[in-house]
Amino acid sequence: MSERVVITGMGVVCPIGNSVAEMWEGLMTGRHGMNQNTLFDASAYPTTFDAEVKNYDLSKIVKNPALHAHGNRGTAFVLGAAVEACRQAGIDTETESPSDGLDRSRMGIYLGAGEGAMDSEAFFSAIVDAWNSQTHEMDWAAWAETTFRIMTAEHELEQETNMPAAHLAVLTGARGILRSCLTACAASTQAVGEAVMLVRSGQADVMVAGGAHSMIHPLGLMGFNRLTALSTRNDDPATASRPFSASRDGFILGEGGAVVILESLTSARKRGAAILAEITGFGSSSDAFRVTDMHEEARGAVQAIRAALKDAGVTLCDIDYISTHGTSTVENDSIETLAIKTVFGEYARKVPCSSPKSQFGHLIGATGCAELITCVMAIQENILPATMNLHDPDPALDLDYVPNKPRKKKIDTVLKESFGFGGQNNVLVIRRFSE
């Protein structure tokens, strides 16, 4: 018999708050995280604004900041999220020999994480400076010294996608399974879903799972602009993210880190940990279509939703709320709506669905777990987050998107959808915990 998997801790760092409480308060009051780019000069780009994390200082959060000094921005964010999540779950990240009673060899890490940022201009300048015009050769020693100095100054030594997970292992002392994935916008939902499977199967008692990402750098901005995926509403960043609206023109590039502590019910009961919610279903699929587009008939999304519902053993009418991927792109919002209608039929118009990206932007690899946390909060508070800036609904998109203000509603079971570039589809079912 497989283990039931519960959530005992949550933490987040995102553009509208550097804790779960701050993020939730922002969602409830209509706060947004969109402003002009301050991390580099974006004036020459089609999109000049983004959703950045503000007022964040990792050195005030972790016990030994020097261990994490060269982590990228995503790593810094997810470390703060993990400290919050572990504190709530009663997991000690402060002492060399924790007394929380957890077997660290049975604790694992699974993180959806993206590559680190790179100062391309500085690197190209270093190449030019290291070129010997007399010998027509590169002085590689000089180049190496210069680039190391640049990277050290920027605290961005790490580019590999497994490094954020490694930092979490150092922070928590977890010596069990350590995995990372980079499945674009679906990464942290996949990480959570597969971590659930590991706990279910008895391969771990506790999994620290979630996502970390920041693509707010020249290469990231340029890439998404080339894909015409970003909003270019530079004159009005505050309302630029408008999922399901007729005037939507793209998503807002954000950043952040989000973590949940997943634990077997046996382990949680043994420790006396407070249980926040239970994850009962996970579905995953691939569109096998195009690397930048969803299948026009939503076949991958439909397959993943149905798989999650089957895994959870719930009916369509059991779902009280759908947390959508809801990016604010023309294609994604239309195809996601088609997927919901295809799976839910007539009930699709009766189940509310909304997109928190309308307030905190698209956190790419971290977004799924951040949205999962909003689902848990919705269950606990019986309040649905809104889809903001939905003042001109697309006539073809006729579901209940909870427009413009949160709504009170009894919520027991939630469907969380994430659909990533490359045709990656991952869906979770979260339920109010009951014995």
Protein backbone atom coordinates (compact mmCIF):
# COMPACT_ATOMS: atom_id res chain seq x y z
CA MET A 1 0.00 0.00 0.00
CA SER A 2 1.49 3.37 -1.05
CA GLU A 3 2.13 6.15 1.41
CA ARG A 4 -0.15 9.18 1.55
CA VAL A 5 1.82 12.36 0.89
CA VAL A 6 1.15 15.57 2.80
CA ILE A 7 2.54 19.09 2.81
CA THR A 8 4.02 20.17 6.14
CA GLY A 9 5.86 23.33 5.13
CA MET A 10 5.80 26.05 2.47
CA GLY A 11 8.08 28.93 1.53
CA VAL A 12 8.23 31.42 -1.32
CA VAL A 13 10.19 34.40 -2.59
CA CYS A 14 8.49 36.19 -5.48
CA PRO A 15 7.85 39.64 -6.95
CA ILE A 16 4.91 40.37 -4.63
CA GLY A 17 6.36 39.01 -1.40
CA ASN A 18 9.36 37.32 0.18
CA SER A 19 7.27 34.95 2.29
CA VAL A 20 4.03 33.01 1.94
CA ALA A 21 2.20 35.54 4.11
CA GLU A 22 3.44 38.48 2.04
CA MET A 23 2.59 36.79 -1.25
CA TRP A 24 -0.90 35.84 -0.09
CA GLU A 25 -1.58 39.31 1.28
CA GLY A 26 -0.48 40.71 -2.10
CA LEU A 27 -2.83 38.40 -3.96
CA MET A 28 -5.71 39.35 -1.70
CA THR A 29 -5.13 43.11 -1.98
CA GLY A 30 -4.40 43.29 -5.69
CA ARG A 31 -0.70 44.11 -5.41
CA HIS A 32 1.36 43.50 -8.54
CA GLY A 33 5.09 43.01 -9.10
CA MET A 34 5.54 44.56 -12.56
CA ASN A 35 7.88 47.51 -13.03
CA GLN A 36 10.61 48.77 -15.33
CA ASN A 37 13.70 46.57 -15.48
CA THR A 38 16.37 47.61 -12.94
CA LEU A 39 18.82 44.71 -13.37
CA PHE A 40 20.31 45.89 -16.68
CA ASP A 41 19.62 48.42 -19.41
CA ALA A 42 16.63 47.03 -21.30
CA SER A 43 15.77 50.24 -23.13
CA ALA A 44 16.65 48.79 -26.53
CA TYR A 45 14.48 45.69 -26.11
CA PRO A 46 10.85 45.41 -27.27
CA THR A 47 9.97 44.76 -23.62
CA THR A 48 11.52 47.11 -21.07
CA PHE A 49 9.78 45.89 -17.90
CA ASP A 50 9.60 42.71 -15.83
CA ALA A 51 8.63 41.34 -12.41
CA GLU A 52 11.65 41.40 -10.10
CA VAL A 53 12.14 40.25 -6.52
CA LYS A 54 12.74 43.32 -4.34
CA ASN A 55 14.28 43.97 -0.91
CA TYR A 56 15.77 40.51 -0.58
CA ASP A 57 18.97 39.76 1.36
CA LEU A 58 19.94 36.11 1.68
CA SER A 59 22.72 36.92 4.15
CA LYS A 60 20.06 37.79 6.73
CA ILE A 61 18.25 34.47 6.24
CA VAL A 62 20.73 31.58 6.10
CA LYS A 63 23.10 30.63 8.89
CA ASN A 64 26.25 30.54 6.77
CA PRO A 65 25.93 32.91 3.76
CA ALA A 66 29.51 32.22 2.65
CA LEU A 67 28.53 28.67 1.65
CA HIS A 68 26.10 30.12 -0.87
CA ALA A 69 27.93 33.28 -1.90
CA HIS A 70 28.32 32.33 -5.55
CA GLY A 71 24.85 30.96 -6.17
CA ASN A 72 22.82 32.54 -8.94
CA ARG A 73 19.72 34.63 -8.27
CA GLY A 74 17.39 31.65 -8.43
CA THR A 75 19.53 29.79 -5.92
CA ALA A 76 19.42 32.73 -3.52
CA PHE A 77 15.64 32.92 -3.77
CA VAL A 78 15.00 29.22 -3.27
CA LEU A 79 17.29 29.07 -0.25
CA GLY A 80 15.17 31.72 1.46
CA ALA A 81 12.01 29.86 0.49
CA ALA A 82 13.46 26.62 1.88
CA VAL A 83 14.34 28.22 5.22
CA GLU A 84 10.73 29.39 5.57
CA ALA A 85 9.32 26.00 4.54
CA CYS A 86 11.62 24.05 6.84
CA ARG A 87 10.87 26.32 9.77
CA GLN A 88 7.13 25.74 9.33
CA ALA A 89 7.66 21.98 9.01
CA GLY A 90 9.88 21.84 12.10
CA ILE A 91 13.01 20.90 10.16
CA ASP A 92 16.22 22.26 11.65
CA THR A 93 18.49 24.13 9.20
CA GLU A 94 20.42 25.97 11.89
CA THR A 95 22.56 23.40 13.69
CA GLU A 96 25.31 21.00 12.64
CA SER A 97 23.60 18.07 14.39
CA PRO A 98 19.84 18.64 14.05
CA SER A 99 17.61 17.37 16.84
CA ASP A 100 14.38 17.33 14.83
CA GLY A 101 14.32 13.54 14.72
CA LEU A 102 14.52 13.23 10.92
CA ASP A 103 16.79 10.68 9.29
CA ARG A 104 18.71 12.82 6.75
CA SER A 105 19.50 9.73 4.66
CA ARG A 106 15.73 9.45 4.11
CA MET A 107 15.33 13.13 3.19
CA GLY A 108 15.69 14.15 -0.44
CA ILE A 109 15.69 17.16 -2.73
CA TYR A 110 13.83 17.57 -6.03
CA LEU A 111 14.02 20.95 -7.70
CA GLY A 112 12.86 22.41 -10.97
CA ALA A 113 15.60 24.91 -11.67
CA GLY A 114 16.95 27.01 -14.51
CA GLU A 115 20.38 27.97 -15.69
CA GLY A 116 22.16 30.87 -14.05
CA ALA A 117 22.41 34.33 -15.54
CA MET A 118 25.54 35.44 -17.33
CA ASP A 119 26.88 38.93 -17.93
CA SER A 120 27.36 38.49 -21.69
CA GLU A 121 28.70 41.99 -22.29
CA ALA A 122 31.40 41.59 -19.66
CA PHE A 123 32.41 38.18 -21.02
CA PHE A 124 32.70 39.48 -24.59
CA SER A 125 34.77 42.41 -23.35
CA ALA A 126 37.06 39.98 -21.54
CA ILE A 127 37.59 38.06 -24.79
CA VAL A 128 38.47 41.24 -26.66
CA ASP A 129 40.86 42.36 -23.92
CA ALA A 130 42.62 38.99 -23.89
CA TRP A 131 43.29 39.03 -27.64
CA ASN A 132 46.96 39.65 -28.48
CA SER A 133 46.92 41.71 -31.67
CA GLN A 134 50.64 41.10 -32.31
CA THR A 135 50.64 37.32 -32.09
CA HIS A 136 46.99 36.97 -33.20
CA GLU A 137 46.37 34.58 -30.35
CA MET A 138 44.27 34.53 -27.20
CA ASP A 139 45.99 34.95 -23.86
CA TRP A 140 43.84 32.30 -22.19
CA ALA A 141 45.40 32.80 -18.78
CA ALA A 142 44.47 36.48 -18.84
CA TRP A 143 40.98 35.63 -20.07
CA ALA A 144 40.48 33.08 -17.29
CA GLU A 145 41.65 35.52 -14.64
CA THR A 146 39.40 38.28 -15.93
CA THR A 147 36.29 36.13 -16.27
CA PHE A 148 36.76 34.62 -12.83
CA ARG A 149 36.99 38.12 -11.39
CA ILE A 150 33.82 39.16 -13.24
CA MET A 151 31.89 36.13 -12.07
CA THR A 152 33.08 36.47 -8.50
CA ALA A 153 32.11 40.13 -8.45
CA GLU A 154 28.66 39.24 -9.73
CA HIS A 155 28.28 36.28 -7.34
CA GLU A 156 27.12 34.22 -10.32
CA LEU A 157 29.66 31.40 -10.58
CA GLU A 158 27.06 28.70 -11.07
CA GLN A 159 25.46 28.00 -14.43
CA GLU A 160 24.58 24.31 -14.11
CA THR A 161 20.93 23.56 -13.37
CA ASN A 162 21.70 21.05 -10.60
CA MET A 163 23.49 23.61 -8.44
CA PRO A 164 20.40 25.08 -6.71
CA ALA A 165 19.41 21.57 -5.58
CA ALA A 166 22.93 21.00 -4.29
CA HIS A 167 22.68 24.21 -2.26
CA LEU A 168 19.42 22.98 -0.73
CA ALA A 169 21.13 19.74 0.29
CA VAL A 170 23.87 21.74 2.01
CA LEU A 171 21.28 23.92 3.75
CA THR A 172 19.06 21.09 4.98
CA GLY A 173 21.61 18.30 5.41
CA ALA A 174 19.47 16.06 3.16
CA ARG A 175 21.55 13.06 2.08
CA GLY A 176 18.87 11.09 0.26
CA ILE A 177 17.73 11.32 -3.36
CA LEU A 178 18.83 14.53 -5.06
CA ARG A 179 17.29 15.35 -8.42
CA SER A 180 16.68 18.38 -10.58
CA CYS A 181 14.81 18.99 -13.80
CA LEU A 182 14.53 21.84 -16.26
CA THR A 183 11.25 21.39 -18.07
CA ALA A 184 10.70 25.08 -18.63
CA CYS A 185 7.51 26.53 -17.15
CA ALA A 186 6.37 23.13 -15.87
CA ALA A 187 9.57 22.34 -13.98
CA SER A 188 8.62 22.87 -10.35
CA THR A 189 5.24 21.20 -10.81
CA GLN A 190 7.07 18.21 -12.26
CA ALA A 191 9.57 18.28 -9.38
CA VAL A 192 6.76 18.25 -6.82
CA GLY A 193 4.81 15.55 -8.67
CA GLU A 194 7.78 13.22 -9.03
CA ALA A 195 8.84 13.89 -5.45
CA VAL A 196 5.34 12.79 -4.39
CA MET A 197 5.90 9.55 -6.29
CA LEU A 198 9.20 8.97 -4.48
CA VAL A 199 7.56 9.37 -1.07
CA ARG A 200 4.60 7.23 -2.08
CA SER A 201 6.89 4.39 -3.11
CA GLY A 202 8.81 4.51 0.17
CA GLN A 203 12.08 5.76 -1.33
CA ALA A 204 12.02 8.83 0.94
CA ASP A 205 10.25 9.97 4.09
CA VAL A 206 10.62 13.68 3.32
CA MET A 207 11.25 15.55 0.07
CA VAL A 208 12.16 19.22 -0.16
CA ALA A 209 10.62 20.07 -3.55
CA GLY A 210 9.97 23.15 -5.63
CA GLY A 211 11.61 25.48 -8.09
CA ALA A 212 14.18 28.23 -8.58
CA HIS A 213 14.66 30.51 -11.56
CA SER A 214 15.61 33.94 -12.82
CA MET A 215 15.78 34.60 -16.54
CA ILE A 216 15.84 38.35 -16.11
CA HIS A 217 19.09 38.78 -17.98
CA PRO A 218 19.86 39.92 -21.55
CA LEU A 219 19.79 36.43 -23.03
CA GLY A 220 16.51 35.51 -21.34
CA LEU A 221 14.77 38.75 -22.31
CA MET A 222 16.06 38.57 -25.88
CA GLY A 223 14.99 34.94 -26.27
CA PHE A 224 11.42 35.46 -25.11
CA ASN A 225 11.12 38.66 -27.16
CA ARG A 226 12.27 36.74 -30.24
CA LEU A 227 9.52 34.21 -29.53
CA THR A 228 7.05 37.14 -29.26
CA ALA A 229 5.99 35.60 -25.95
CA LEU A 230 6.36 38.74 -23.81
CA SER A 231 3.99 41.64 -23.42
CA THR A 232 5.27 44.86 -24.98
CA ARG A 233 2.88 47.07 -23.05
CA ASN A 234 5.79 49.19 -21.81
CA ASP A 235 3.63 52.19 -21.03
CA ASP A 236 1.52 50.27 -18.50
CA PRO A 237 3.40 47.42 -16.78
CA ALA A 238 0.88 47.27 -13.92
CA THR A 239 -1.89 45.93 -16.16
CA ALA A 240 0.25 44.20 -18.79
CA SER A 241 -0.41 40.69 -17.48
CA ARG A 242 -4.04 40.06 -18.38
CA PRO A 243 -4.72 36.33 -18.77
CA PHE A 244 -7.85 35.37 -20.74
CA SER A 245 -8.38 38.98 -21.80
CA ALA A 246 -9.12 39.90 -25.43
CA SER A 247 -6.23 42.39 -25.31
CA ARG A 248 -3.61 40.01 -23.87
CA ASP A 249 -0.30 40.25 -25.69
CA GLY A 250 2.15 38.08 -23.74
CA PHE A 251 3.49 37.23 -20.30
CA ILE A 252 5.71 39.24 -17.95
CA LEU A 253 9.09 37.72 -17.19
CA GLY A 254 9.49 37.18 -13.45
CA GLU A 255 11.77 35.37 -11.04
CA GLY A 256 11.63 33.62 -7.70
CA GLY A 257 11.93 30.52 -5.60
CA ALA A 258 9.28 28.28 -4.05
CA VAL A 259 9.51 25.19 -1.82
CA VAL A 260 7.12 22.75 -0.23
CA ILE A 261 8.02 20.08 2.30
CA LEU A 262 6.45 16.80 1.19
CA GLU A 263 6.24 14.11 3.80
CA SER A 264 4.72 10.68 4.20
CA LEU A 265 1.71 10.75 6.47
CA THR A 266 3.51 8.21 8.65
CA SER A 267 6.49 10.53 9.08
CA ALA A 268 4.34 13.60 9.70
CA ARG A 269 2.32 11.82 12.37
CA LYS A 270 5.43 10.46 14.02
CA ARG A 271 6.91 13.96 14.28
CA GLY A 272 3.64 15.60 15.21
CA ALA A 273 3.99 17.97 12.26
CA ALA A 274 1.07 20.20 11.30
CA ILE A 275 -0.43 19.07 7.98
CA LEU A 276 -1.31 21.86 5.55
CA ALA A 277 -2.81 19.81 2.71
CA GLU A 278 -2.47 16.50 0.87
CA ILE A 279 -1.32 15.90 -2.70
CA THR A 280 -3.41 13.08 -4.10
CA GLY A 281 -2.84 13.18 -7.83
CA PHE A 282 -0.14 13.79 -10.44
CA GLY A 283 -0.36 13.60 -14.21
CA SER A 284 2.35 14.21 -16.78
CA SER A 285 2.52 14.14 -20.57
CA SER A 286 4.25 15.49 -23.67
CA ASP A 287 2.57 17.18 -26.62
CA ALA A 288 5.12 15.66 -29.05
CA PHE A 289 4.24 18.56 -31.34
CA ARG A 290 6.41 21.68 -31.55
CA VAL A 291 9.04 22.95 -29.15
CA THR A 292 7.43 26.39 -28.73
CA ASP A 293 3.72 25.72 -29.24
CA MET A 294 1.04 23.70 -27.50
CA HIS A 295 -0.84 21.21 -29.66
CA GLU A 296 -3.82 23.06 -31.15
CA GLU A 297 -6.24 20.41 -29.88
CA ALA A 298 -4.68 20.51 -26.39
CA ARG A 299 -4.02 16.79 -26.52
CA GLY A 300 -1.05 16.82 -24.12
CA ALA A 301 -2.78 19.08 -21.59
CA VAL A 302 -5.94 16.97 -21.72
CA GLN A 303 -3.94 13.79 -21.19
CA ALA A 304 -2.10 15.21 -18.16
CA ILE A 305 -5.30 16.55 -16.55
CA ARG A 306 -7.08 13.24 -16.97
CA ALA A 307 -4.08 11.35 -15.60
CA ALA A 308 -3.97 13.56 -12.49
CA LEU A 309 -7.69 13.13 -11.84
CA LYS A 310 -7.42 9.36 -12.26
CA ASP A 311 -4.39 9.21 -9.98
CA ALA A 312 -6.26 11.16 -7.31
CA GLY A 313 -9.38 9.03 -7.67
CA VAL A 314 -11.65 12.07 -7.95
CA THR A 315 -14.53 12.93 -10.26
CA LEU A 316 -14.88 16.10 -12.29
CA CYS A 317 -17.45 17.46 -9.85
CA ASP A 318 -15.00 17.02 -6.96
CA ILE A 319 -12.81 19.82 -8.31
CA ASP A 320 -13.69 23.10 -6.59
CA TYR A 321 -11.08 25.30 -8.28
CA ILE A 322 -8.53 25.17 -11.10
CA SER A 323 -5.26 27.08 -10.73
CA THR A 324 -4.45 27.66 -14.39
CA HIS A 325 -1.14 28.09 -16.13
CA GLY A 326 -2.72 31.29 -17.46
CA THR A 327 0.29 33.03 -18.96
CA SER A 328 -1.52 35.88 -20.80
CA THR A 329 -0.34 34.75 -24.23
CA VAL A 330 -2.91 34.44 -26.98
CA GLU A 331 -2.13 30.80 -27.70
CA ASN A 332 -1.68 29.44 -24.18
CA ASP A 333 -4.85 30.90 -22.69
CA SER A 334 -6.95 29.71 -25.63
CA ILE A 335 -5.58 26.16 -25.66
CA GLU A 336 -5.71 25.84 -21.88
CA THR A 337 -9.35 26.87 -21.94
CA LEU A 338 -9.96 24.27 -24.66
CA ALA A 339 -8.27 21.63 -22.49
CA ILE A 340 -10.49 22.44 -19.51
CA LYS A 341 -13.62 22.33 -21.66
CA THR A 342 -12.55 19.05 -23.26
CA VAL A 343 -11.98 17.34 -19.91
CA PHE A 344 -14.78 18.88 -17.86
CA GLY A 345 -17.51 19.23 -20.48
CA GLU A 346 -20.54 21.16 -19.20
CA TYR A 347 -19.06 21.31 -15.69
CA ALA A 348 -16.24 23.48 -17.05
CA ARG A 349 -18.44 26.57 -16.76
CA LYS A 350 -19.25 25.77 -13.14
CA VAL A 351 -15.72 25.39 -11.77
CA PRO A 352 -13.85 28.68 -11.14
CA CYS A 353 -10.30 29.05 -12.45
CA SER A 354 -7.79 31.86 -12.19
CA SER A 355 -4.18 32.86 -12.80
CA PRO A 356 -1.89 34.33 -10.10
CA LYS A 357 0.55 35.25 -12.91
CA SER A 358 -1.64 38.30 -13.43
CA GLN A 359 -0.03 39.67 -10.26
CA PHE A 360 3.42 38.14 -9.80
CA GLY A 361 4.33 37.46 -13.43
CA HIS A 362 5.77 34.27 -14.85
CA LEU A 363 8.44 32.78 -12.57
CA ILE A 364 9.35 30.18 -15.21
CA GLY A 365 10.90 27.19 -13.39
CA ALA A 366 9.61 28.37 -10.00
CA THR A 367 6.10 29.29 -11.05
CA GLY A 368 4.34 25.95 -10.61
CA CYS A 369 5.34 25.52 -6.98
CA ALA A 370 4.54 29.15 -6.16
CA GLU A 371 1.08 28.58 -7.61
CA LEU A 372 0.76 25.30 -5.72
CA ILE A 373 1.29 27.30 -2.53
CA THR A 374 -1.52 29.66 -3.55
CA CYS A 375 -3.71 26.56 -3.95
CA VAL A 376 -2.95 25.42 -0.39
CA MET A 377 -3.69 28.91 0.91
CA ALA A 378 -6.96 28.95 -1.04
CA ILE A 379 -7.96 25.69 0.66
CA GLN A 380 -6.98 26.96 4.08
CA GLU A 381 -8.65 30.35 3.73
CA ASN A 382 -11.57 29.34 1.47
CA ILE A 383 -10.76 32.24 -0.86
CA LEU A 384 -10.04 32.09 -4.59
CA PRO A 385 -7.23 34.28 -5.94
CA ALA A 386 -8.37 36.53 -8.77
CA THR A 387 -7.35 36.90 -12.39
CA MET A 388 -6.48 40.57 -12.40
CA ASN A 389 -6.79 43.02 -15.31
CA LEU A 390 -9.62 41.01 -16.87
CA HIS A 391 -11.73 43.96 -17.99
CA ASP A 392 -12.25 42.96 -21.62
CA PRO A 393 -12.87 39.19 -21.63
CA ASP A 394 -12.11 37.31 -24.82
CA PRO A 395 -15.54 36.24 -26.14
CA ALA A 396 -14.08 32.87 -27.13
CA LEU A 397 -12.90 32.23 -23.56
CA ASP A 398 -16.09 31.92 -21.57
CA LEU A 399 -15.17 30.17 -18.32
CA ASP A 400 -15.33 31.62 -14.81
CA TYR A 401 -11.87 33.17 -14.46
CA VAL A 402 -12.60 34.93 -11.12
CA PRO A 403 -12.13 38.40 -12.63
CA ASN A 404 -10.40 41.24 -10.79
CA LYS A 405 -11.07 40.44 -7.14
CA PRO A 406 -10.73 37.40 -4.85
CA ARG A 407 -13.85 35.40 -4.08
CA LYS A 408 -14.94 33.53 -0.99
CA LYS A 409 -15.76 29.90 -1.68
CA LYS A 410 -15.55 26.60 0.18
CA ILE A 411 -12.62 24.77 -1.38
CA ASP A 412 -11.62 21.19 -0.66
CA THR A 413 -10.03 19.97 -3.89
CA VAL A 414 -7.91 21.92 -6.37
CA LEU A 415 -6.41 21.14 -9.78
CA LYS A 416 -3.07 22.84 -10.51
CA GLU A 417 -1.98 23.03 -14.17
CA SER A 418 1.46 23.77 -15.62
CA PHE A 419 2.31 23.66 -19.32
CA GLY A 420 5.86 24.39 -20.45
CA PHE A 421 7.74 25.21 -23.62
CA GLY A 422 8.65 21.98 -25.37
CA GLY A 423 5.22 20.48 -24.77
CA GLN A 424 5.79 19.60 -21.11
CA ASN A 425 2.53 19.14 -19.22
CA ASN A 426 2.33 18.54 -15.47
CA VAL A 427 -0.80 18.64 -13.32
CA LEU A 428 -1.40 18.13 -9.59
CA VAL A 429 -4.48 17.49 -7.46
CA ILE A 430 -4.35 19.00 -3.95
CA ARG A 431 -6.95 18.25 -1.26
CA ARG A 432 -7.85 19.49 2.17
CA PHE A 433 -6.37 16.95 4.56
CA SER A 434 -8.69 14.67 6.44
CA GLU A 435 -8.07 11.46 8.32
